[in-house]
Each structure stands twice: as C-alpha cells, then as structure tokens.
C-alpha cells in the first residue's frame, strides 16, 4: 500500500513544481512580474527549462512522506475498526463516524511529518 501514494505524490510534486516556483517569484515584492505566465517566462529565460523544477527534491522530501504516512495510517485504521453492520438502521451514521476516525488519524499522522519540516523551513 506504500507504492501508489509514493508514486502519485512524487508525480504531483514534479508536475506542480513550475507553478510553485512561479508563485514564489510572484510573492517577492521586488519582482517585476505581474502574473504566473510572466513569472514562468522569467524563470525560463534566466535559468532555462530546468530552472522551473529547481527545488523539486526538497518539495518531494517534505511532502511525500506526509502523504504516504497518511494513506498507510488511513488504511491501517480502516482495517482495525469494526465493520459496519449493513443491516443496522444506523449504518450511514456508523460509516460516517468510521470515515471521520480514519481521516482524523491520517491527518494527525501526516501532520506529524509535515509540521516539523515546515517549521525548519
């Protein structure tokens, strides 16, 4: 269960990195660019095509463990919870409670990776 979130979250970081770089450039008050398109062009002109992916490894190291941990914990908690009785009159509520428990556990576990790394940044 580790491989799919590992591959997907890594791919998302690689695809998203040019937009991250462009928005970081836009956040600089001294930057002459006015929008993301101009920012992408400026990065490409000054650093080449590879400049659009500058910082990808740091982004991967920061976020991929968070997502992998969250998915693994969600799967584990889902297996550990008692199954909902399909004949129960409260089955919808019980499914909602189980979903909330799984999501909460995944969020706390994923945040355990993300928050310390964000604080170091």
Foldseek 3Di string as FASTA:
>chain_A
DLPVLLVVVLVCLQVCQLQVQLVVLVPPPPRPDDDSVVSSVVQCVVPNPCSSCPCSVVVSVQQSVLRSQLVVQLVVLLVVDDDQDPPDPCSVVVVVVSNVVSNVRSNVRSCVRNVVSVVVD
